[in-house]
Amino acid sequence: MESVTTADLILELNITDSEVIAELEQFADATERDEFAMKALKIGVLALKQARGQIDADMVRREGERLMVDLKGRLDQHEQLLNERMGSVLKEYFDPKDGRFSERVQKLLEEDGDIEQALKKQIVGDDSTLSKTLSSHFGEDSRLMKLLNPDQKEGLLSLMRETFDEQLDSQKRQVLSQFSLDEENSALSRLVKELKDNHGQLSEDLEGKIDEVVKEFSLDEENSALSRLVKNVDEAQKTITKEFSLDDEKSSLARLQKTLTETLSQQQEANQKFQEEVKEALAAMKARKEEAARSTRHGISFEETLFEVIQKESQRQGDIATHTGNTTGLIRNNKKGDAVVELSPESAAPGEKIVIEAKEDRSYDLKTSRDEIAEARSNRGAQIGLFVFSKKTAPAGLEPVVRYGDDVFVVWDSEDEQSDLYLKVGYTLAKALCVKGTALTADQQADFEAIDKAINEIIKQTDGLTEVETSATTIKKASEKILKRVDIVRTKLMREADTLRENTDALRDAMGE
């Protein structure tokens, strides 16, 4: 080792570690390889100084500022790329000239389009459903028209006319029979007999009076009581017949027919409106089914989908995830704990376990869920619990990520990949809690204040993503608000995640020293 100047130092190193050699050989260019080696050496020196309590606060601040500048540049590039892609996708679907949405709407609304074809099939032509239905109920051969046809013998009008004629004739015969002297039991015969029995031979005056009475019941006399009665009955019969005539607009039967026609017309309009609503509902259901069929997670249970995401994330970080929902744990005949994640030997808390419980059940609130995850930790011998609610059944008002002591609670939508961020944040928090709970020697104590601050900030910033989702539903009016909020949340989330990762990595290096 030779010192050149007070600012420069030349080192000639003979590297024998196979892992370091493998990483350096990935850089074919000597300059890039030297820069990578210098960064690795600097990180190692800083880590050793931190372990000895000698970290330079000014240097950390400068490096942090440099990293933040670099991070901001990358996020700006990502924002620009996101805006370009979003604009391209929106143009592809909503461009008024050649967008897919406009094309589909045009096909539906254009002449002889899908909507017109469907309506023609239902209401146009003799073979349409509407025409057949009306014909069966109101056509010439329908039962209603047969009943209302006055020429039909079995029609309503004919039957009523025959019934009235029979009743009138019957009443006429009964009335006449009461005033006939040919009938022994008629009222007139009984009157004459009673007079004869009481007074003997009637006088001529009495006979005259009787003749007058008989004349009142004679049809030959135009003004007799019986003639007037028959006349009134005939007029009543004509009035009744007129009320059941379709030739008179004001007749009862004509008004009944008009009311029935108006009611049927209204019913037809209501049925047509109902059919349109049913078609729209069926189209919406079909679209939802097609969307669900296109989803890569369609048909998989909530628990299985959750384990797939956790398994991928744990493999990426070197941890081991095991599905335990079908096996008993430390407690006899107890299967609580759907999955267990064991942290890798290279982590800051090697061998520590996180138990995961997944529930898509409305009966679980926060209290019952805490009891459930506490029992699962005991059953699986885990230090930290991660309870995952389904967004469909989660308690109302619950934040996406919540921590209570040694347990983390997450609200996750198994059908929305964007919701995986909440699950990954919850998993990272659970790992950090494992590191915090690990018992260390006096020489290995680390400052957990930064870890706690990062955990709380991550939980706080996940709430901001809910606001982003709400703003996204009105993207045309709130695009500037969305981009600004995304930038703030992304910056803070990345900063706190980096703080958490740096502290856990420093702790892991200190434990492995």
Protein backbone atom coordinates (compact mmCIF):
# COMPACT_ATOMS: atom_id res chain seq x y z
CA MET A 1 0.00 0.00 0.00
CA GLU A 2 1.50 3.35 -1.05
CA SER A 3 0.11 6.76 -0.13
CA VAL A 4 0.11 9.11 -3.14
CA THR A 5 -1.64 12.24 -1.76
CA THR A 6 -3.69 13.13 1.25
CA ALA A 7 -6.88 12.65 -0.90
CA ASP A 8 -5.93 9.56 -2.91
CA LEU A 9 -5.00 6.06 -1.83
CA ILE A 10 -3.95 3.26 -4.18
CA LEU A 11 -4.70 -0.32 -3.14
CA GLU A 12 -3.67 -3.53 -4.83
CA LEU A 13 -6.01 -6.27 -3.65
CA ASN A 14 -5.81 -10.02 -4.21
CA ILE A 15 -9.44 -11.21 -4.07
CA THR A 16 -10.02 -14.88 -3.16
CA ASP A 17 -13.68 -14.87 -2.12
CA SER A 18 -15.68 -16.75 -4.78
CA GLU A 19 -18.87 -14.70 -4.39
CA VAL A 20 -17.00 -11.40 -4.77
CA ILE A 21 -15.15 -12.75 -7.81
CA ALA A 22 -18.46 -13.86 -9.37
CA GLU A 23 -19.98 -10.41 -8.93
CA LEU A 24 -16.90 -8.61 -10.35
CA GLU A 25 -16.72 -10.89 -13.39
CA GLN A 26 -20.18 -9.72 -14.44
CA PHE A 27 -18.58 -6.42 -15.56
CA ALA A 28 -16.62 -6.91 -18.76
CA ASP A 29 -15.46 -3.30 -18.84
CA ALA A 30 -12.54 -2.63 -16.47
CA THR A 31 -13.72 0.88 -15.62
CA GLU A 32 -17.23 -0.29 -14.66
CA ARG A 33 -15.69 -3.13 -12.64
CA ASP A 34 -13.46 -0.69 -10.75
CA GLU A 35 -16.39 1.64 -10.02
CA PHE A 36 -18.46 -1.27 -8.72
CA ALA A 37 -15.56 -2.43 -6.51
CA MET A 38 -15.11 1.09 -5.15
CA LYS A 39 -18.83 1.35 -4.27
CA ALA A 40 -18.78 -2.09 -2.65
CA LEU A 41 -15.66 -1.13 -0.64
CA LYS A 42 -17.29 2.12 0.45
CA ILE A 43 -20.49 0.37 1.54
CA GLY A 44 -18.45 -2.17 3.50
CA VAL A 45 -16.38 0.53 5.22
CA LEU A 46 -19.55 2.46 6.15
CA ALA A 47 -21.21 -0.70 7.47
CA LEU A 48 -18.16 -1.50 9.64
CA LYS A 49 -18.03 2.06 10.92
CA GLN A 50 -21.73 1.89 11.79
CA ALA A 51 -21.22 -1.36 13.64
CA ARG A 52 -18.43 0.31 15.67
CA GLY A 53 -20.59 3.37 16.34
CA GLN A 54 -18.37 5.58 14.15
CA ILE A 55 -20.66 6.43 11.21
CA ASP A 56 -20.16 9.86 9.80
CA ALA A 57 -23.46 11.72 9.93
CA ASP A 58 -22.38 14.29 7.34
CA MET A 59 -21.32 11.63 4.89
CA VAL A 60 -24.60 9.75 5.34
CA ARG A 61 -26.53 12.96 4.73
CA ARG A 62 -24.56 13.76 1.58
CA GLU A 63 -24.93 10.24 0.26
CA GLY A 64 -28.60 10.28 1.15
CA GLU A 65 -29.09 13.56 -0.71
CA ARG A 66 -27.28 12.15 -3.70
CA LEU A 67 -29.39 9.01 -3.62
CA MET A 68 -32.56 11.09 -3.34
CA VAL A 69 -31.55 13.15 -6.37
CA ASP A 70 -30.85 9.97 -8.31
CA LEU A 71 -34.14 8.46 -7.10
CA LYS A 72 -36.08 11.59 -8.06
CA GLY A 73 -34.59 11.44 -11.56
CA ARG A 74 -35.62 7.80 -11.94
CA LEU A 75 -39.11 8.54 -10.62
CA ASP A 76 -39.44 11.46 -13.06
CA GLN A 77 -38.49 9.12 -15.91
CA HIS A 78 -41.00 6.60 -14.64
CA GLU A 79 -43.69 9.30 -14.39
CA GLN A 80 -43.02 10.42 -17.97
CA LEU A 81 -43.15 6.81 -19.19
CA LEU A 82 -46.36 6.23 -17.22
CA ASN A 83 -47.98 9.33 -18.70
CA GLU A 84 -47.00 8.27 -22.22
CA ARG A 85 -48.32 4.74 -21.74
CA MET A 86 -51.50 5.97 -20.10
CA GLY A 87 -52.08 8.44 -22.92
CA SER A 88 -51.49 5.71 -25.48
CA VAL A 89 -53.91 3.32 -23.81
CA LEU A 90 -56.59 5.98 -23.36
CA LYS A 91 -56.21 7.04 -26.98
CA GLU A 92 -56.47 3.44 -28.13
CA TYR A 93 -59.81 3.02 -26.35
CA PHE A 94 -61.38 6.51 -26.35
CA ASP A 95 -60.03 8.24 -29.50
CA PRO A 96 -63.15 9.68 -31.19
CA LYS A 97 -61.92 8.68 -34.65
CA ASP A 98 -60.56 5.16 -34.37
CA GLY A 99 -60.79 4.22 -30.63
CA ARG A 100 -62.14 0.81 -29.69
CA PHE A 101 -64.87 2.33 -27.53
CA SER A 102 -66.09 4.63 -30.32
CA GLU A 103 -65.96 1.76 -32.79
CA ARG A 104 -68.05 -0.45 -30.52
CA VAL A 105 -70.60 2.29 -29.84
CA GLN A 106 -70.83 2.99 -33.58
CA LYS A 107 -71.52 -0.69 -34.29
CA LEU A 108 -74.27 -0.66 -31.69
CA LEU A 109 -75.94 2.58 -32.85
CA GLU A 110 -75.36 2.61 -36.61
CA GLU A 111 -78.12 1.75 -39.08
CA ASP A 112 -78.81 -1.98 -39.13
CA GLY A 113 -76.49 -2.26 -36.05
CA ASP A 114 -76.73 -4.72 -33.18
CA ILE A 115 -79.37 -2.72 -31.26
CA GLU A 116 -81.51 -2.17 -34.37
CA GLN A 117 -81.29 -5.86 -35.29
CA ALA A 118 -82.33 -6.90 -31.78
CA LEU A 119 -85.27 -4.46 -31.76
CA LYS A 120 -86.39 -5.56 -35.24
CA LYS A 121 -86.37 -9.16 -34.15
CA GLN A 122 -88.57 -8.33 -31.16
CA ILE A 123 -91.07 -5.79 -32.54
CA VAL A 124 -90.88 -5.58 -36.40
CA GLY A 125 -92.61 -7.91 -38.82
CA ASP A 126 -95.32 -10.55 -38.60
CA ASP A 127 -92.82 -13.06 -37.23
CA SER A 128 -91.66 -10.79 -34.36
CA THR A 129 -92.22 -11.80 -30.77
CA LEU A 130 -94.46 -8.77 -30.15
CA SER A 131 -96.62 -9.49 -33.19
CA LYS A 132 -97.08 -13.14 -32.27
CA THR A 133 -97.92 -12.26 -28.65
CA LEU A 134 -100.50 -9.61 -29.62
CA SER A 135 -101.98 -11.88 -32.27
CA SER A 136 -102.40 -14.73 -29.82
CA HIS A 137 -104.18 -12.47 -27.30
CA PHE A 138 -105.97 -9.88 -29.48
CA GLY A 139 -106.08 -11.35 -32.99
CA GLU A 140 -109.20 -12.29 -34.91
CA ASP A 141 -108.96 -15.88 -33.72
CA SER A 142 -108.19 -14.98 -30.09
CA ARG A 143 -110.65 -15.92 -27.37
CA LEU A 144 -111.20 -12.27 -26.37
CA MET A 145 -112.28 -11.22 -29.87
CA LYS A 146 -114.58 -14.22 -30.11
CA LEU A 147 -116.25 -13.21 -26.86
CA LEU A 148 -116.62 -9.57 -27.99
CA ASN A 149 -117.84 -10.43 -31.53
CA PRO A 150 -121.62 -9.85 -31.70
CA ASP A 151 -121.92 -12.31 -34.62
CA GLN A 152 -120.60 -15.22 -32.56
CA LYS A 153 -123.25 -17.37 -30.99
CA GLU A 154 -121.03 -18.02 -28.03
CA GLY A 155 -120.00 -14.34 -27.80
CA LEU A 156 -120.54 -12.29 -24.68
CA LEU A 157 -123.11 -9.96 -26.29
CA SER A 158 -125.16 -12.80 -27.76
CA LEU A 159 -125.20 -14.66 -24.48
CA MET A 160 -126.25 -11.52 -22.57
CA ARG A 161 -129.00 -10.74 -25.12
CA GLU A 162 -130.40 -14.25 -24.89
CA THR A 163 -130.29 -14.14 -21.09
CA PHE A 164 -132.12 -10.78 -20.94
CA ASP A 165 -134.76 -11.97 -23.46
CA GLU A 166 -135.41 -15.11 -21.48
CA GLN A 167 -135.71 -13.18 -18.21
CA LEU A 168 -138.04 -10.56 -19.70
CA ASP A 169 -140.26 -13.18 -21.28
CA SER A 170 -140.40 -15.08 -18.03
CA GLN A 171 -141.30 -11.95 -16.06
CA LYS A 172 -143.91 -10.99 -18.68
CA ARG A 173 -145.56 -14.40 -18.49
CA GLN A 174 -145.62 -14.30 -14.71
CA VAL A 175 -147.19 -10.83 -14.64
CA LEU A 176 -149.85 -11.73 -17.22
CA SER A 177 -150.65 -14.98 -15.49
CA GLN A 178 -151.50 -13.07 -12.29
CA PHE A 179 -154.15 -11.03 -14.16
CA SER A 180 -155.69 -13.85 -16.18
CA LEU A 181 -159.11 -15.29 -15.26
CA ASP A 182 -158.14 -18.50 -17.05
CA GLU A 183 -155.68 -19.25 -14.29
CA GLU A 184 -157.52 -20.51 -11.23
CA ASN A 185 -154.74 -19.42 -8.85
CA SER A 186 -154.05 -16.04 -10.41
CA ALA A 187 -154.37 -12.91 -8.33
CA LEU A 188 -157.34 -11.69 -10.36
CA SER A 189 -159.14 -15.02 -10.13
CA ARG A 190 -158.63 -15.13 -6.38
CA LEU A 191 -159.93 -11.52 -6.10
CA VAL A 192 -163.08 -12.31 -8.09
CA LYS A 193 -163.70 -15.48 -6.11
CA GLU A 194 -163.28 -13.63 -2.82
CA LEU A 195 -165.69 -10.89 -3.90
CA LYS A 196 -168.24 -13.45 -4.99
CA ASP A 197 -167.91 -15.32 -1.72
CA ASN A 198 -168.37 -12.18 0.38
CA HIS A 199 -170.97 -10.19 -1.58
CA GLY A 200 -172.78 -12.69 -3.71
CA GLN A 201 -173.83 -11.59 -7.08
CA LEU A 202 -171.90 -8.55 -8.25
CA SER A 203 -173.80 -5.57 -9.39
CA GLU A 204 -173.51 -4.15 -12.84
CA ASP A 205 -171.45 -1.23 -11.45
CA LEU A 206 -169.02 -3.68 -9.94
CA GLU A 207 -168.79 -5.54 -13.21
CA GLY A 208 -168.11 -2.27 -14.92
CA LYS A 209 -165.34 -1.50 -12.47
CA ILE A 210 -163.92 -4.96 -12.90
CA ASP A 211 -163.98 -4.47 -16.64
CA GLU A 212 -162.02 -1.24 -16.14
CA VAL A 213 -159.55 -3.08 -13.95
CA VAL A 214 -159.27 -5.82 -16.58
CA LYS A 215 -158.71 -3.19 -19.23
CA GLU A 216 -155.77 -1.86 -17.19
CA PHE A 217 -154.20 -5.28 -17.60
CA SER A 218 -155.03 -5.68 -21.25
CA LEU A 219 -152.38 -5.39 -23.96
CA ASP A 220 -155.01 -4.28 -26.43
CA GLU A 221 -155.35 -0.95 -24.61
CA GLU A 222 -152.41 1.28 -25.48
CA ASN A 223 -152.56 3.27 -22.24
CA SER A 224 -153.33 0.39 -19.91
CA ALA A 225 -151.05 -0.26 -16.94
CA LEU A 226 -149.90 -3.53 -18.43
CA SER A 227 -149.19 -1.91 -21.81
CA ARG A 228 -147.16 0.81 -20.09
CA LEU A 229 -145.33 -1.83 -18.08
CA VAL A 230 -144.49 -3.83 -21.21
CA LYS A 231 -143.43 -0.60 -22.94
CA ASN A 232 -141.12 0.29 -20.06
CA VAL A 233 -139.71 -3.20 -20.08
CA ASP A 234 -139.07 -2.96 -23.84
CA GLU A 235 -137.37 0.41 -23.38
CA ALA A 236 -135.25 -1.02 -20.57
CA GLN A 237 -134.33 -3.95 -22.80
CA LYS A 238 -133.32 -1.58 -25.59
CA THR A 239 -131.28 0.51 -23.14
CA ILE A 240 -129.47 -2.58 -21.86
CA THR A 241 -128.86 -3.80 -25.43
CA LYS A 242 -127.52 -0.37 -26.36
CA GLU A 243 -125.09 -0.42 -23.42
CA PHE A 244 -123.62 -3.67 -24.81
CA SER A 245 -123.31 -2.46 -28.39
CA LEU A 246 -119.90 -1.70 -29.93
CA ASP A 247 -121.52 0.62 -32.48
CA ASP A 248 -122.11 3.28 -29.81
CA GLU A 249 -118.91 4.93 -28.51
CA LYS A 250 -120.59 5.84 -25.21
CA SER A 251 -121.91 2.36 -24.46
CA SER A 252 -120.52 0.44 -21.48
CA LEU A 253 -119.11 -2.29 -23.69
CA ALA A 254 -117.41 0.26 -25.98
CA ARG A 255 -115.89 2.04 -22.97
CA LEU A 256 -114.79 -1.32 -21.59
CA GLN A 257 -113.14 -2.19 -24.90
CA LYS A 258 -111.40 1.21 -24.99
CA THR A 259 -110.16 0.80 -21.41
CA LEU A 260 -108.87 -2.70 -22.19
CA THR A 261 -107.10 -1.43 -25.30
CA GLU A 262 -105.42 1.42 -23.39
CA THR A 263 -104.42 -0.92 -20.56
CA LEU A 264 -102.96 -3.44 -23.00
CA SER A 265 -101.06 -0.64 -24.76
CA GLN A 266 -99.60 0.52 -21.45
CA GLN A 267 -98.74 -3.05 -20.56
CA GLN A 268 -97.04 -3.47 -23.91
CA GLU A 269 -94.92 -0.35 -23.31
CA ALA A 270 -94.05 -1.55 -19.80
CA ASN A 271 -93.09 -4.99 -21.17
CA GLN A 272 -90.93 -3.41 -23.85
CA LYS A 273 -89.17 -1.22 -21.24
CA PHE A 274 -88.69 -4.26 -19.01
CA GLN A 275 -87.20 -6.23 -21.90
CA GLU A 276 -84.75 -3.42 -22.60
CA GLU A 277 -83.73 -3.29 -18.93
CA VAL A 278 -83.28 -7.07 -18.91
CA LYS A 279 -81.13 -6.87 -22.04
CA GLU A 280 -78.93 -4.19 -20.47
CA ALA A 281 -78.61 -6.20 -17.25
CA LEU A 282 -77.73 -9.35 -19.21
CA ALA A 283 -75.14 -7.44 -21.22
CA ALA A 284 -73.57 -6.09 -18.03
CA MET A 285 -73.55 -9.58 -16.48
CA LYS A 286 -71.99 -10.99 -19.63
CA ALA A 287 -69.28 -8.31 -19.57
CA ARG A 288 -68.52 -9.01 -15.92
CA LYS A 289 -68.34 -12.76 -16.60
CA GLU A 290 -65.99 -12.20 -19.55
CA GLU A 291 -63.80 -9.91 -17.43
CA ALA A 292 -63.71 -12.50 -14.66
CA ALA A 293 -62.86 -15.21 -17.19
CA ARG A 294 -59.94 -13.13 -18.49
CA SER A 295 -58.55 -12.67 -14.98
CA THR A 296 -55.57 -14.92 -14.26
CA ARG A 297 -56.89 -15.41 -10.72
CA HIS A 298 -60.43 -16.40 -11.66
CA GLY A 299 -61.57 -19.67 -10.08
CA ILE A 300 -58.82 -19.81 -7.44
CA SER A 301 -59.78 -19.63 -3.77
CA PHE A 302 -58.82 -16.59 -1.69
CA GLU A 303 -56.40 -18.61 0.46
CA GLU A 304 -54.66 -20.24 -2.52
CA THR A 305 -54.28 -16.92 -4.34
CA LEU A 306 -52.81 -15.31 -1.22
CA PHE A 307 -50.27 -18.10 -0.80
CA GLU A 308 -49.14 -17.75 -4.43
CA VAL A 309 -48.39 -14.04 -3.92
CA ILE A 310 -46.66 -14.63 -0.55
CA GLN A 311 -44.62 -17.51 -1.99
CA LYS A 312 -43.34 -15.39 -4.89
CA GLU A 313 -42.45 -12.50 -2.57
CA SER A 314 -40.72 -14.77 -0.03
CA GLN A 315 -38.70 -16.51 -2.77
CA ARG A 316 -37.62 -13.14 -4.10
CA GLN A 317 -36.28 -12.21 -0.66
CA GLY A 318 -34.72 -15.61 0.04
CA ASP A 319 -37.34 -16.67 2.64
CA ILE A 320 -39.17 -20.00 2.76
CA ALA A 321 -43.01 -20.06 2.62
CA THR A 322 -44.93 -23.22 3.55
CA HIS A 323 -48.66 -23.87 3.16
CA THR A 324 -49.89 -25.24 6.52
CA GLY A 325 -53.66 -24.79 6.34
CA ASN A 326 -54.30 -28.55 6.05
CA THR A 327 -51.92 -29.71 8.80
CA THR A 328 -52.14 -29.51 12.58
CA GLY A 329 -49.65 -27.40 14.54
CA LEU A 330 -48.22 -27.43 18.04
CA ILE A 331 -51.70 -27.42 19.60
CA ARG A 332 -53.48 -30.75 19.35
CA ASN A 333 -56.09 -30.98 16.57
CA ASN A 334 -55.57 -27.30 15.75
CA LYS A 335 -55.00 -26.17 12.16
CA LYS A 336 -54.95 -22.41 12.75
CA GLY A 337 -52.37 -20.67 10.55
CA ASP A 338 -52.80 -21.00 6.77
CA ALA A 339 -49.11 -20.42 5.92
CA VAL A 340 -45.76 -19.98 7.70
CA VAL A 341 -42.78 -17.99 6.36
CA GLU A 342 -39.31 -18.74 7.81
CA LEU A 343 -36.78 -15.94 7.31
CA SER A 344 -33.61 -16.83 5.44
CA PRO A 345 -30.26 -17.49 7.22
CA GLU A 346 -28.88 -14.32 5.60
CA SER A 347 -31.60 -12.11 7.09
CA ALA A 348 -31.22 -10.02 10.24
CA ALA A 349 -33.45 -12.50 12.09
CA PRO A 350 -32.57 -15.94 10.66
CA GLY A 351 -35.03 -18.73 11.43
CA GLU A 352 -37.74 -16.36 12.76
CA LYS A 353 -41.27 -17.28 11.66
CA ILE A 354 -44.24 -15.29 10.41
CA VAL A 355 -47.65 -17.00 10.49
CA ILE A 356 -50.22 -15.88 7.92
CA GLU A 357 -53.99 -16.23 8.33
CA ALA A 358 -56.33 -15.48 5.40
CA LYS A 359 -60.06 -14.87 5.83
CA GLU A 360 -62.82 -14.10 3.34
CA ASP A 361 -65.58 -14.15 5.97
CA ARG A 362 -67.85 -11.27 7.05
CA SER A 363 -68.17 -12.66 10.58
CA TYR A 364 -64.58 -11.62 11.39
CA ASP A 365 -64.09 -8.16 12.87
CA LEU A 366 -60.83 -6.69 14.20
CA LYS A 367 -61.28 -8.17 17.70
CA THR A 368 -62.00 -11.73 16.56
CA SER A 369 -59.20 -11.45 14.00
CA ARG A 370 -56.67 -10.49 16.70
CA ASP A 371 -57.74 -13.49 18.77
CA GLU A 372 -57.46 -15.70 15.68
CA ILE A 373 -53.94 -14.58 14.73
CA ALA A 374 -52.75 -14.81 18.36
CA GLU A 375 -53.88 -18.44 18.47
CA ALA A 376 -52.26 -19.06 15.08
CA ARG A 377 -48.91 -17.69 16.38
CA SER A 378 -49.02 -20.07 19.32
CA ASN A 379 -50.05 -23.00 17.15
CA ARG A 380 -47.26 -22.48 14.59
CA GLY A 381 -44.54 -21.26 16.99
CA ALA A 382 -44.27 -17.95 15.11
CA GLN A 383 -43.05 -14.64 16.53
CA ILE A 384 -45.10 -12.34 14.25
CA GLY A 385 -48.61 -12.69 12.77
CA LEU A 386 -49.93 -11.40 9.42
CA PHE A 387 -53.75 -11.43 9.12
CA VAL A 388 -55.15 -10.79 5.62
CA PHE A 389 -58.77 -9.66 5.18
CA SER A 390 -60.52 -10.01 1.82
CA LYS A 391 -61.59 -6.60 0.56
CA LYS A 392 -65.04 -8.09 -0.14
CA THR A 393 -65.65 -8.98 3.53
CA ALA A 394 -63.30 -6.67 5.48
CA PRO A 395 -64.77 -4.64 8.36
CA ALA A 396 -66.03 -1.22 7.29
CA GLY A 397 -63.57 1.63 7.83
CA LEU A 398 -60.50 -0.59 8.31
CA GLU A 399 -57.29 0.93 6.87
CA PRO A 400 -55.40 -1.07 4.20
CA VAL A 401 -52.44 -1.76 6.55
CA VAL A 402 -52.72 -1.70 10.36
CA ARG A 403 -50.33 -2.87 13.08
CA TYR A 404 -51.30 -3.96 16.60
CA GLY A 405 -48.31 -5.09 18.65
CA ASP A 406 -46.75 -8.18 17.08
CA ASP A 407 -49.51 -8.51 14.45
CA VAL A 408 -50.04 -6.80 11.10
CA PHE A 409 -53.51 -6.59 9.48
CA VAL A 410 -53.91 -6.07 5.72
CA VAL A 411 -56.97 -5.54 3.49
CA TRP A 412 -56.28 -7.22 0.13
CA ASP A 413 -58.28 -7.67 -3.11
CA SER A 414 -57.39 -11.05 -4.62
CA GLU A 415 -58.77 -10.01 -8.04
CA ASP A 416 -56.80 -6.75 -8.29
CA GLU A 417 -53.04 -7.04 -8.77
CA GLN A 418 -52.66 -3.38 -7.81
CA SER A 419 -53.77 -4.40 -4.30
CA ASP A 420 -50.67 -6.64 -4.00
CA LEU A 421 -48.73 -3.53 -2.86
CA TYR A 422 -50.62 -3.56 0.48
CA LEU A 423 -49.82 -7.25 0.94
CA LYS A 424 -46.11 -6.72 0.20
CA VAL A 425 -45.96 -3.75 2.59
CA GLY A 426 -47.58 -5.86 5.30
CA TYR A 427 -45.09 -8.65 4.66
CA THR A 428 -42.16 -6.20 4.89
CA LEU A 429 -43.52 -4.81 8.17
CA ALA A 430 -43.86 -8.32 9.59
CA LYS A 431 -40.19 -9.03 8.70
CA ALA A 432 -39.10 -5.78 10.34
CA LEU A 433 -41.00 -6.73 13.50
CA CYS A 434 -39.18 -10.10 13.48
CA VAL A 435 -35.84 -8.25 13.36
CA LYS A 436 -36.93 -5.91 16.13
CA GLY A 437 -37.97 -8.80 18.37
CA THR A 438 -34.68 -10.69 17.98
CA ALA A 439 -32.61 -10.77 21.19
CA LEU A 440 -29.13 -9.32 20.58
CA THR A 441 -25.95 -9.14 22.66
CA ALA A 442 -24.66 -5.82 24.05
CA ASP A 443 -22.23 -5.46 21.12
CA GLN A 444 -25.00 -6.13 18.59
CA GLN A 445 -27.61 -3.63 19.81
CA ALA A 446 -28.97 -1.44 16.99
CA ASP A 447 -30.97 1.72 16.93
CA PHE A 448 -34.58 0.70 16.23
CA GLU A 449 -35.90 4.23 16.32
CA ALA A 450 -35.41 4.60 12.56
CA ILE A 451 -37.09 1.20 11.98
CA ASP A 452 -40.14 2.17 14.06
CA LYS A 453 -40.36 5.50 12.27
CA ALA A 454 -40.16 3.78 8.87
CA ILE A 455 -42.86 1.27 9.87
CA ASN A 456 -45.23 4.01 11.02
CA GLU A 457 -44.56 6.10 7.91
CA ILE A 458 -45.21 3.14 5.59
CA ILE A 459 -48.54 2.47 7.30
CA LYS A 460 -49.41 6.16 7.03
CA GLN A 461 -48.50 6.37 3.36
CA THR A 462 -50.57 3.31 2.40
CA ASP A 463 -53.61 5.37 3.36
CA GLY A 464 -52.66 7.77 0.59
CA LEU A 465 -53.02 5.01 -1.98
CA THR A 466 -56.73 4.80 -1.14
CA GLU A 467 -57.05 8.43 -2.15
CA VAL A 468 -55.22 7.61 -5.36
CA GLU A 469 -57.72 4.84 -6.16
CA THR A 470 -60.64 7.18 -5.53
CA SER A 471 -59.12 9.88 -7.72
CA ALA A 472 -58.47 7.37 -10.49
CA THR A 473 -62.21 6.84 -10.97
CA THR A 474 -62.45 10.45 -12.15
CA ILE A 475 -59.23 10.46 -14.14
CA LYS A 476 -60.35 13.04 -16.69
CA LYS A 477 -61.06 15.68 -14.03
CA ALA A 478 -58.42 14.79 -11.45
CA SER A 479 -55.38 13.66 -13.47
CA GLU A 480 -53.15 16.41 -12.03
CA LYS A 481 -54.22 15.54 -8.48
CA ILE A 482 -53.54 11.84 -9.10
CA LEU A 483 -50.06 12.41 -10.49
CA LYS A 484 -49.15 14.79 -7.67
CA ARG A 485 -50.44 12.42 -5.01
CA VAL A 486 -48.73 9.42 -6.61
CA ASP A 487 -45.44 11.30 -6.71
CA ILE A 488 -45.71 12.27 -3.01
CA VAL A 489 -46.72 8.78 -1.87
CA ARG A 490 -44.12 7.06 -4.05
CA THR A 491 -41.32 9.35 -2.80
CA LYS A 492 -42.19 8.94 0.87
CA LEU A 493 -42.85 5.21 0.55
CA MET A 494 -39.57 4.57 -1.23
CA ARG A 495 -37.65 6.72 1.25
CA GLU A 496 -39.09 4.95 4.29
CA ALA A 497 -38.66 1.52 2.68
CA ASP A 498 -35.00 2.34 1.99
CA THR A 499 -34.55 3.46 5.60
CA LEU A 500 -36.09 0.23 6.82
CA ARG A 501 -33.96 -1.86 4.45
CA GLU A 502 -30.70 -0.05 5.37
CA ASN A 503 -31.28 -0.52 9.09
CA THR A 504 -32.23 -4.19 8.77
CA ASP A 505 -29.24 -4.84 6.49
CA ALA A 506 -26.91 -3.09 8.95
CA LEU A 507 -28.33 -5.17 11.76
CA ARG A 508 -27.88 -8.36 9.72
CA ASP A 509 -24.26 -7.48 8.95
CA ALA A 510 -23.60 -6.73 12.63
CA MET A 511 -25.02 -10.08 13.69
CA GLY A 512 -22.98 -11.97 11.11
CA GLU A 513 -19.68 -10.24 12.00
